[in-house]
């Protein structure tokens, strides 16, 4: 019998996750008997869908995010192991290159509903691990509101903080991302099409998503370099998960104004 996330040979995995920490793959009795609920870190992955000019599919954010989380969970000590939720895929989208976006109130409400469900199961420590540059401020607002309204111990980790930044202007890691994605997809990047005319006005400044200039790493090069990039990022995230686990509990609840 194969593990839940093991794909049939020749087909991609529908879900990239660590068997021991992925909440949907655990039974209700296992979740009910989960030890140390007060200190267990529940990870809420958040990823949008967009063409980032890297020549790879629209689910590039989720592809990077889930692989980094999976490998980080395998590095965390057994007494600090987290629980990982399914990715939240319908994120705020601030650019015409985004696909299937939702507006800010809807994205905020989605995060709040998921956090409420986690809290109802007795867990109080939630880390939003976010891949989308457009969702960073939204995640900060949602985490603050959940801290105030529900007394949850909220944390934020953005992939941009561990050198995996999809932002089209500020990023210094777009080439790293392209190389990592080439390795994860097992395919060379496709040429990016120029932005189509007649698109609606941008809602987020003037950050145009342009194709990454210069030659991309070949698939053979990416398979070597990508493994190192993934390992470094997973180690950084594993350290953050352990640090969040070890933080003392909240001393008091903040009363809403």
C-alpha atoms as a PDB file:
ATOM      1  CA  UNK A   1       0.000   0.000   0.000  1.00  0.00           C
ATOM      2  CA  UNK A   2       1.398   3.396  -0.940  1.00  0.00           C
ATOM      3  CA  UNK A   3       1.333   6.527   1.212  1.00  0.00           C
ATOM      4  CA  UNK A   4      -1.517   8.984   0.541  1.00  0.00           C
ATOM      5  CA  UNK A   5       0.705  11.438  -1.299  1.00  0.00           C
ATOM      6  CA  UNK A   6       2.524   8.913  -3.478  1.00  0.00           C
ATOM      7  CA  UNK A   7       1.657   9.507  -7.142  1.00  0.00           C
ATOM      8  CA  UNK A   8       1.189   6.818  -9.745  1.00  0.00           C
ATOM      9  CA  UNK A   9       4.415   6.530 -11.767  1.00  0.00           C
ATOM     10  CA  UNK A  10       4.383   9.065 -14.575  1.00  0.00           C
ATOM     11  CA  UNK A  11       1.817  11.392 -12.953  1.00  0.00           C
ATOM     12  CA  UNK A  12       2.396  14.432 -10.708  1.00  0.00           C
ATOM     13  CA  UNK A  13       1.362  14.356  -7.062  1.00  0.00           C
ATOM     14  CA  UNK A  14      -1.994  16.036  -6.434  1.00  0.00           C
ATOM     15  CA  UNK A  15      -0.844  17.036  -2.968  1.00  0.00           C
ATOM     16  CA  UNK A  16       2.687  17.555  -1.677  1.00  0.00           C
ATOM     17  CA  UNK A  17       2.802  16.931   2.062  1.00  0.00           C
ATOM     18  CA  UNK A  18       4.563  15.112   4.883  1.00  0.00           C
ATOM     19  CA  UNK A  19       2.584  12.014   5.843  1.00  0.00           C
ATOM     20  CA  UNK A  20       3.082  12.424   9.598  1.00  0.00           C
ATOM     21  CA  UNK A  21       2.023  16.067   9.861  1.00  0.00           C
ATOM     22  CA  UNK A  22      -0.629  16.666   7.172  1.00  0.00           C
ATOM     23  CA  UNK A  23      -3.934  17.086   9.016  1.00  0.00           C
ATOM     24  CA  UNK A  24      -6.244  15.622   6.299  1.00  0.00           C
ATOM     25  CA  UNK A  25      -4.282  12.372   6.264  1.00  0.00           C
ATOM     26  CA  UNK A  26      -4.734  11.807  10.004  1.00  0.00           C
ATOM     27  CA  UNK A  27      -7.781  10.133  11.521  1.00  0.00           C
ATOM     28  CA  UNK A  28     -10.121  11.848  13.964  1.00  0.00           C
ATOM     29  CA  UNK A  29      -8.885   9.679  16.865  1.00  0.00           C
ATOM     30  CA  UNK A  30      -5.277  10.689  16.118  1.00  0.00           C
ATOM     31  CA  UNK A  31      -6.187  14.368  16.047  1.00  0.00           C
ATOM     32  CA  UNK A  32      -8.267  13.921  19.193  1.00  0.00           C
ATOM     33  CA  UNK A  33      -5.325  12.337  21.014  1.00  0.00           C
ATOM     34  CA  UNK A  34      -2.757  14.824  19.693  1.00  0.00           C
ATOM     35  CA  UNK A  35      -0.386  15.780  22.547  1.00  0.00           C
ATOM     36  CA  UNK A  36       0.601  19.281  23.607  1.00  0.00           C
ATOM     37  CA  UNK A  37      -2.148  21.158  21.805  1.00  0.00           C
ATOM     38  CA  UNK A  38      -1.182  24.440  23.438  1.00  0.00           C
ATOM     39  CA  UNK A  39       2.300  24.399  21.906  1.00  0.00           C
ATOM     40  CA  UNK A  40       1.649  22.532  18.639  1.00  0.00           C
ATOM     41  CA  UNK A  41       2.089  24.824  15.657  1.00  0.00           C
ATOM     42  CA  UNK A  42      -0.714  24.535  13.114  1.00  0.00           C
ATOM     43  CA  UNK A  43       0.536  25.709   9.719  1.00  0.00           C
ATOM     44  CA  UNK A  44      -1.934  27.393   7.384  1.00  0.00           C
ATOM     45  CA  UNK A  45      -0.297  27.571   3.927  1.00  0.00           C
ATOM     46  CA  UNK A  46      -1.564  30.360   1.683  1.00  0.00           C
ATOM     47  CA  UNK A  47      -0.767  30.575  -2.023  1.00  0.00           C
ATOM     48  CA  UNK A  48      -2.198  32.508  -4.923  1.00  0.00           C
ATOM     49  CA  UNK A  49      -2.146  31.640  -8.603  1.00  0.00           C
ATOM     50  CA  UNK A  50      -0.437  33.941 -11.096  1.00  0.00           C
ATOM     51  CA  UNK A  51       1.899  34.195 -14.026  1.00  0.00           C
ATOM     52  CA  UNK A  52       5.065  35.540 -12.414  1.00  0.00           C
ATOM     53  CA  UNK A  53       7.009  35.786 -15.663  1.00  0.00           C
ATOM     54  CA  UNK A  54       9.123  32.755 -14.775  1.00  0.00           C
ATOM     55  CA  UNK A  55       7.859  30.507 -17.565  1.00  0.00           C
ATOM     56  CA  UNK A  56       6.133  28.017 -15.258  1.00  0.00           C
ATOM     57  CA  UNK A  57       2.473  27.163 -14.507  1.00  0.00           C
ATOM     58  CA  UNK A  58       0.043  29.313 -12.563  1.00  0.00           C
ATOM     59  CA  UNK A  59       0.344  27.181  -9.410  1.00  0.00           C
ATOM     60  CA  UNK A  60       4.043  28.052  -8.999  1.00  0.00           C
ATOM     61  CA  UNK A  61       3.468  29.616  -5.558  1.00  0.00           C
ATOM     62  CA  UNK A  62       1.824  26.460  -4.232  1.00  0.00           C
ATOM     63  CA  UNK A  63       4.452  24.243  -5.839  1.00  0.00           C
ATOM     64  CA  UNK A  64       7.245  26.046  -3.991  1.00  0.00           C
ATOM     65  CA  UNK A  65       5.293  26.517  -0.761  1.00  0.00           C
ATOM     66  CA  UNK A  66       4.184  22.910  -0.305  1.00  0.00           C
ATOM     67  CA  UNK A  67       7.616  21.446  -1.076  1.00  0.00           C
ATOM     68  CA  UNK A  68       9.333  23.794   1.387  1.00  0.00           C
ATOM     69  CA  UNK A  69       6.771  23.034   4.106  1.00  0.00           C
ATOM     70  CA  UNK A  70       6.921  19.284   3.495  1.00  0.00           C
ATOM     71  CA  UNK A  71      10.711  19.170   3.721  1.00  0.00           C
ATOM     72  CA  UNK A  72      10.767  21.502   6.743  1.00  0.00           C
ATOM     73  CA  UNK A  73       8.311  19.267   8.620  1.00  0.00           C
ATOM     74  CA  UNK A  74      10.639  16.310   8.070  1.00  0.00           C
ATOM     75  CA  UNK A  75      13.498  18.265   9.665  1.00  0.00           C
ATOM     76  CA  UNK A  76      11.661  19.414  12.799  1.00  0.00           C
ATOM     77  CA  UNK A  77      12.315  17.391  15.950  1.00  0.00           C
ATOM     78  CA  UNK A  78       9.524  14.904  16.805  1.00  0.00           C
ATOM     79  CA  UNK A  79       8.572  16.788  19.976  1.00  0.00           C
ATOM     80  CA  UNK A  80       8.095  20.004  17.952  1.00  0.00           C
ATOM     81  CA  UNK A  81       6.320  18.567  14.930  1.00  0.00           C
ATOM     82  CA  UNK A  82       3.521  20.761  13.554  1.00  0.00           C
ATOM     83  CA  UNK A  83       0.195  20.029  11.946  1.00  0.00           C
ATOM     84  CA  UNK A  84      -0.250  21.277   8.380  1.00  0.00           C
ATOM     85  CA  UNK A  85      -3.565  22.314   6.855  1.00  0.00           C
ATOM     86  CA  UNK A  86      -4.450  22.021   3.156  1.00  0.00           C
ATOM     87  CA  UNK A  87      -3.273  25.059   1.195  1.00  0.00           C
ATOM     88  CA  UNK A  88      -5.619  28.047   1.066  1.00  0.00           C
ATOM     89  CA  UNK A  89      -5.659  28.556  -2.694  1.00  0.00           C
ATOM     90  CA  UNK A  90      -8.086  31.421  -3.210  1.00  0.00           C
ATOM     91  CA  UNK A  91      -5.943  34.410  -2.280  1.00  0.00           C
ATOM     92  CA  UNK A  92      -6.194  38.134  -2.798  1.00  0.00           C
ATOM     93  CA  UNK A  93      -4.983  39.040  -6.274  1.00  0.00           C
ATOM     94  CA  UNK A  94      -3.736  42.559  -7.009  1.00  0.00           C
ATOM     95  CA  UNK A  95      -2.536  42.219 -10.564  1.00  0.00           C
ATOM     96  CA  UNK A  96      -4.069  41.250 -13.926  1.00  0.00           C
ATOM     97  CA  UNK A  97      -1.581  38.370 -14.066  1.00  0.00           C
ATOM     98  CA  UNK A  98      -3.347  36.729 -11.087  1.00  0.00           C
ATOM     99  CA  UNK A  99      -5.760  33.854 -11.680  1.00  0.00           C
ATOM    100  CA  UNK A 100      -8.865  33.020  -9.611  1.00  0.00           C
ATOM    101  CA  UNK A 101      -8.295  35.867  -7.120  1.00  0.00           C
ATOM    102  CA  UNK A 102     -10.717  36.968  -4.411  1.00  0.00           C
ATOM    103  CA  UNK A 103     -11.140  40.402  -2.892  1.00  0.00           C
ATOM    104  CA  UNK A 104      -9.628  41.354   0.449  1.00  0.00           C
ATOM    105  CA  UNK A 105     -12.749  40.878   2.614  1.00  0.00           C
ATOM    106  CA  UNK A 106     -13.283  37.391   1.184  1.00  0.00           C
ATOM    107  CA  UNK A 107      -9.635  36.403   1.682  1.00  0.00           C
ATOM    108  CA  UNK A 108      -9.716  37.781   5.249  1.00  0.00           C
ATOM    109  CA  UNK A 109     -12.915  35.859   5.998  1.00  0.00           C
ATOM    110  CA  UNK A 110     -11.435  32.622   4.623  1.00  0.00           C
ATOM    111  CA  UNK A 111      -8.420  32.862   6.920  1.00  0.00           C
ATOM    112  CA  UNK A 112     -10.680  33.663   9.885  1.00  0.00           C
ATOM    113  CA  UNK A 113     -12.997  30.710   9.193  1.00  0.00           C
ATOM    114  CA  UNK A 114     -10.108  28.259   8.931  1.00  0.00           C
ATOM    115  CA  UNK A 115      -8.519  29.609  12.113  1.00  0.00           C
ATOM    116  CA  UNK A 116     -11.839  29.297  13.953  1.00  0.00           C
ATOM    117  CA  UNK A 117     -12.068  25.642  12.927  1.00  0.00           C
ATOM    118  CA  UNK A 118      -8.525  25.026  14.166  1.00  0.00           C
ATOM    119  CA  UNK A 119      -9.352  26.721  17.473  1.00  0.00           C
ATOM    120  CA  UNK A 120     -12.493  24.599  17.840  1.00  0.00           C
ATOM    121  CA  UNK A 121     -10.234  21.528  17.779  1.00  0.00           C
ATOM    122  CA  UNK A 122      -8.274  22.873  20.736  1.00  0.00           C
ATOM    123  CA  UNK A 123      -5.226  24.329  18.992  1.00  0.00           C
ATOM    124  CA  UNK A 124      -4.220  27.915  19.748  1.00  0.00           C
ATOM    125  CA  UNK A 125      -0.919  28.440  17.916  1.00  0.00           C
ATOM    126  CA  UNK A 126      -1.302  29.123  14.191  1.00  0.00           C
ATOM    127  CA  UNK A 127       1.389  30.090  11.693  1.00  0.00           C
ATOM    128  CA  UNK A 128       0.262  31.480   8.348  1.00  0.00           C
ATOM    129  CA  UNK A 129       2.979  30.531   5.861  1.00  0.00           C
ATOM    130  CA  UNK A 130       2.329  32.729   2.850  1.00  0.00           C
ATOM    131  CA  UNK A 131       3.748  32.599  -0.660  1.00  0.00           C
ATOM    132  CA  UNK A 132       1.873  35.520  -2.224  1.00  0.00           C
ATOM    133  CA  UNK A 133       3.450  38.997  -2.205  1.00  0.00           C
ATOM    134  CA  UNK A 134      -0.007  40.519  -2.637  1.00  0.00           C
ATOM    135  CA  UNK A 135      -1.268  38.827   0.550  1.00  0.00           C
ATOM    136  CA  UNK A 136       1.424  39.934   2.986  1.00  0.00           C
ATOM    137  CA  UNK A 137      -0.405  42.960   4.417  1.00  0.00           C
ATOM    138  CA  UNK A 138      -3.700  41.078   4.380  1.00  0.00           C
ATOM    139  CA  UNK A 139      -2.173  38.216   6.397  1.00  0.00           C
ATOM    140  CA  UNK A 140      -0.834  40.715   8.931  1.00  0.00           C
ATOM    141  CA  UNK A 141      -4.292  42.225   9.357  1.00  0.00           C
ATOM    142  CA  UNK A 142      -5.976  38.809   9.637  1.00  0.00           C
ATOM    143  CA  UNK A 143      -3.433  37.591  12.207  1.00  0.00           C
ATOM    144  CA  UNK A 144      -3.881  40.739  14.299  1.00  0.00           C
ATOM    145  CA  UNK A 145      -7.677  40.461  14.197  1.00  0.00           C
ATOM    146  CA  UNK A 146      -7.594  36.788  15.198  1.00  0.00           C
ATOM    147  CA  UNK A 147      -5.261  37.581  18.083  1.00  0.00           C
ATOM    148  CA  UNK A 148      -7.676  40.224  19.357  1.00  0.00           C
ATOM    149  CA  UNK A 149     -11.001  38.545  18.619  1.00  0.00           C
ATOM    150  CA  UNK A 150     -10.170  34.938  19.495  1.00  0.00           C
ATOM    151  CA  UNK A 151      -7.045  35.104  21.630  1.00  0.00           C
ATOM    152  CA  UNK A 152      -5.128  32.919  19.196  1.00  0.00           C
ATOM    153  CA  UNK A 153      -1.339  32.925  19.187  1.00  0.00           C
ATOM    154  CA  UNK A 154      -0.740  33.989  15.584  1.00  0.00           C
ATOM    155  CA  UNK A 155       2.512  33.967  13.607  1.00  0.00           C
ATOM    156  CA  UNK A 156       3.435  34.928  10.054  1.00  0.00           C
ATOM    157  CA  UNK A 157       6.112  33.495   7.792  1.00  0.00           C
ATOM    158  CA  UNK A 158       6.367  34.872   4.255  1.00  0.00           C
ATOM    159  CA  UNK A 159       8.408  33.017   1.648  1.00  0.00           C
ATOM    160  CA  UNK A 160       9.852  36.415   0.738  1.00  0.00           C
ATOM    161  CA  UNK A 161      11.597  36.384   4.139  1.00  0.00           C
ATOM    162  CA  UNK A 162      13.466  33.177   3.321  1.00  0.00           C
ATOM    163  CA  UNK A 163      14.779  34.318  -0.072  1.00  0.00           C
ATOM    164  CA  UNK A 164      11.891  32.971  -2.144  1.00  0.00           C
ATOM    165  CA  UNK A 165      10.221  36.225  -3.124  1.00  0.00           C
ATOM    166  CA  UNK A 166       7.774  36.238  -6.052  1.00  0.00           C
ATOM    167  CA  UNK A 167       7.352  40.027  -6.017  1.00  0.00           C
ATOM    168  CA  UNK A 168       8.031  41.369  -9.532  1.00  0.00           C
ATOM    169  CA  UNK A 169       9.969  44.488  -8.423  1.00  0.00           C
ATOM    170  CA  UNK A 170      11.542  44.120  -4.987  1.00  0.00           C
ATOM    171  CA  UNK A 171      12.535  40.452  -5.371  1.00  0.00           C
ATOM    172  CA  UNK A 172      16.202  39.490  -5.552  1.00  0.00           C
ATOM    173  CA  UNK A 173      15.386  35.797  -5.810  1.00  0.00           C
ATOM    174  CA  UNK A 174      13.373  35.447  -9.029  1.00  0.00           C
ATOM    175  CA  UNK A 175      16.166  33.495 -10.703  1.00  0.00           C
ATOM    176  CA  UNK A 176      16.370  31.171  -7.683  1.00  0.00           C
ATOM    177  CA  UNK A 177      12.621  30.630  -7.902  1.00  0.00           C
ATOM    178  CA  UNK A 178      12.738  29.921 -11.613  1.00  0.00           C
ATOM    179  CA  UNK A 179      15.537  27.394 -11.108  1.00  0.00           C
ATOM    180  CA  UNK A 180      13.730  25.728  -8.205  1.00  0.00           C
ATOM    181  CA  UNK A 181      10.495  25.525 -10.191  1.00  0.00           C
ATOM    182  CA  UNK A 182      12.289  24.001 -13.171  1.00  0.00           C
ATOM    183  CA  UNK A 183      13.584  21.286 -10.844  1.00  0.00           C
ATOM    184  CA  UNK A 184      10.204  20.718  -9.151  1.00  0.00           C
ATOM    185  CA  UNK A 185       8.203  20.569 -12.383  1.00  0.00           C
ATOM    186  CA  UNK A 186      10.918  18.633 -14.207  1.00  0.00           C
ATOM    187  CA  UNK A 187      10.502  20.870 -17.253  1.00  0.00           C
ATOM    188  CA  UNK A 188      12.299  23.804 -18.792  1.00  0.00           C
ATOM    189  CA  UNK A 189      10.520  27.169 -18.458  1.00  0.00           C
ATOM    190  CA  UNK A 190       8.373  28.298 -21.354  1.00  0.00           C
ATOM    191  CA  UNK A 191       8.844  31.703 -22.984  1.00  0.00           C
ATOM    192  CA  UNK A 192       6.631  34.242 -21.221  1.00  0.00           C
ATOM    193  CA  UNK A 193       4.073  36.064 -23.338  1.00  0.00           C
ATOM    194  CA  UNK A 194       4.018  39.867 -23.232  1.00  0.00           C
ATOM    195  CA  UNK A 195       1.235  41.476 -21.229  1.00  0.00           C
ATOM    196  CA  UNK A 196      -1.967  41.618 -23.278  1.00  0.00           C
ATOM    197  CA  UNK A 197      -3.356  45.053 -24.155  1.00  0.00           C
ATOM    198  CA  UNK A 198      -6.646  46.240 -22.742  1.00  0.00           C
ATOM    199  CA  UNK A 199      -6.216  44.740 -19.269  1.00  0.00           C
ATOM    200  CA  UNK A 200      -7.992  46.532 -16.405  1.00  0.00           C
ATOM    201  CA  UNK A 201      -6.088  49.105 -14.309  1.00  0.00           C
ATOM    202  CA  UNK A 202      -3.766  47.735 -11.657  1.00  0.00           C
ATOM    203  CA  UNK A 203      -4.950  47.840  -8.070  1.00  0.00           C
ATOM    204  CA  UNK A 204      -1.518  47.749  -6.450  1.00  0.00           C
ATOM    205  CA  UNK A 205       0.827  50.500  -7.519  1.00  0.00           C
ATOM    206  CA  UNK A 206       2.732  50.096 -10.755  1.00  0.00           C
ATOM    207  CA  UNK A 207       4.519  46.767 -10.234  1.00  0.00           C
ATOM    208  CA  UNK A 208       4.325  45.205 -13.668  1.00  0.00           C
ATOM    209  CA  UNK A 209       5.058  41.491 -13.901  1.00  0.00           C
ATOM    210  CA  UNK A 210       7.661  41.168 -16.635  1.00  0.00           C
ATOM    211  CA  UNK A 211       9.363  38.090 -18.005  1.00  0.00           C
ATOM    212  CA  UNK A 212      12.625  37.263 -16.287  1.00  0.00           C
ATOM    213  CA  UNK A 213      15.423  38.387 -18.630  1.00  0.00           C
ATOM    214  CA  UNK A 214      18.454  36.343 -19.514  1.00  0.00           C
ATOM    215  CA  UNK A 215      18.917  32.612 -20.069  1.00  0.00           C
ATOM    216  CA  UNK A 216      17.298  30.199 -17.630  1.00  0.00           C
ATOM    217  CA  UNK A 217      19.118  27.308 -16.001  1.00  0.00           C
ATOM    218  CA  UNK A 218      18.782  24.118 -17.990  1.00  0.00           C
ATOM    219  CA  UNK A 219      16.808  21.245 -16.516  1.00  0.00           C
ATOM    220  CA  UNK A 220      20.026  19.389 -15.707  1.00  0.00           C
ATOM    221  CA  UNK A 221      21.506  22.445 -13.968  1.00  0.00           C
ATOM    222  CA  UNK A 222      18.233  23.134 -12.144  1.00  0.00           C
ATOM    223  CA  UNK A 223      18.022  19.608 -10.778  1.00  0.00           C
ATOM    224  CA  UNK A 224      21.342  20.193  -8.991  1.00  0.00           C
ATOM    225  CA  UNK A 225      20.885  23.821  -7.985  1.00  0.00           C
ATOM    226  CA  UNK A 226      17.199  23.394  -7.130  1.00  0.00           C
ATOM    227  CA  UNK A 227      17.925  20.676  -4.587  1.00  0.00           C
ATOM    228  CA  UNK A 228      20.304  23.016  -2.759  1.00  0.00           C
ATOM    229  CA  UNK A 229      17.821  25.900  -2.873  1.00  0.00           C
ATOM    230  CA  UNK A 230      15.022  23.726  -1.504  1.00  0.00           C
ATOM    231  CA  UNK A 231      17.210  22.276   1.249  1.00  0.00           C
ATOM    232  CA  UNK A 232      18.372  25.715   2.417  1.00  0.00           C
ATOM    233  CA  UNK A 233      14.836  27.108   2.503  1.00  0.00           C
ATOM    234  CA  UNK A 234      13.457  24.038   4.287  1.00  0.00           C
ATOM    235  CA  UNK A 235      16.126  24.310   6.986  1.00  0.00           C
ATOM    236  CA  UNK A 236      15.275  27.979   7.539  1.00  0.00           C
ATOM    237  CA  UNK A 237      11.572  27.240   7.813  1.00  0.00           C
ATOM    238  CA  UNK A 238      12.181  24.272  10.131  1.00  0.00           C
ATOM    239  CA  UNK A 239      14.136  26.552  12.467  1.00  0.00           C
ATOM    240  CA  UNK A 240      11.273  29.060  12.463  1.00  0.00           C
ATOM    241  CA  UNK A 241       8.715  26.333  13.218  1.00  0.00           C
ATOM    242  CA  UNK A 242      10.817  25.158  16.167  1.00  0.00           C
ATOM    243  CA  UNK A 243      11.176  28.730  17.422  1.00  0.00           C
ATOM    244  CA  UNK A 244       7.417  29.279  17.202  1.00  0.00           C
ATOM    245  CA  UNK A 245       6.816  26.018  19.074  1.00  0.00           C
ATOM    246  CA  UNK A 246       9.147  27.128  21.868  1.00  0.00           C
ATOM    247  CA  UNK A 247       7.630  30.581  22.341  1.00  0.00           C
ATOM    248  CA  UNK A 248       5.915  31.009  25.718  1.00  0.00           C
ATOM    249  CA  UNK A 249       2.110  31.078  25.606  1.00  0.00           C
ATOM    250  CA  UNK A 250       0.217  34.337  25.505  1.00  0.00           C
ATOM    251  CA  UNK A 251       0.003  35.907  28.937  1.00  0.00           C
ATOM    252  CA  UNK A 252      -3.313  37.720  28.473  1.00  0.00           C
ATOM    253  CA  UNK A 253      -6.160  38.120  26.055  1.00  0.00           C
ATOM    254  CA  UNK A 254      -6.517  41.472  24.324  1.00  0.00           C
ATOM    255  CA  UNK A 255      -9.955  42.968  24.830  1.00  0.00           C
ATOM    256  CA  UNK A 256     -11.512  44.213  21.576  1.00  0.00           C
ATOM    257  CA  UNK A 257     -12.040  47.962  21.460  1.00  0.00           C
END
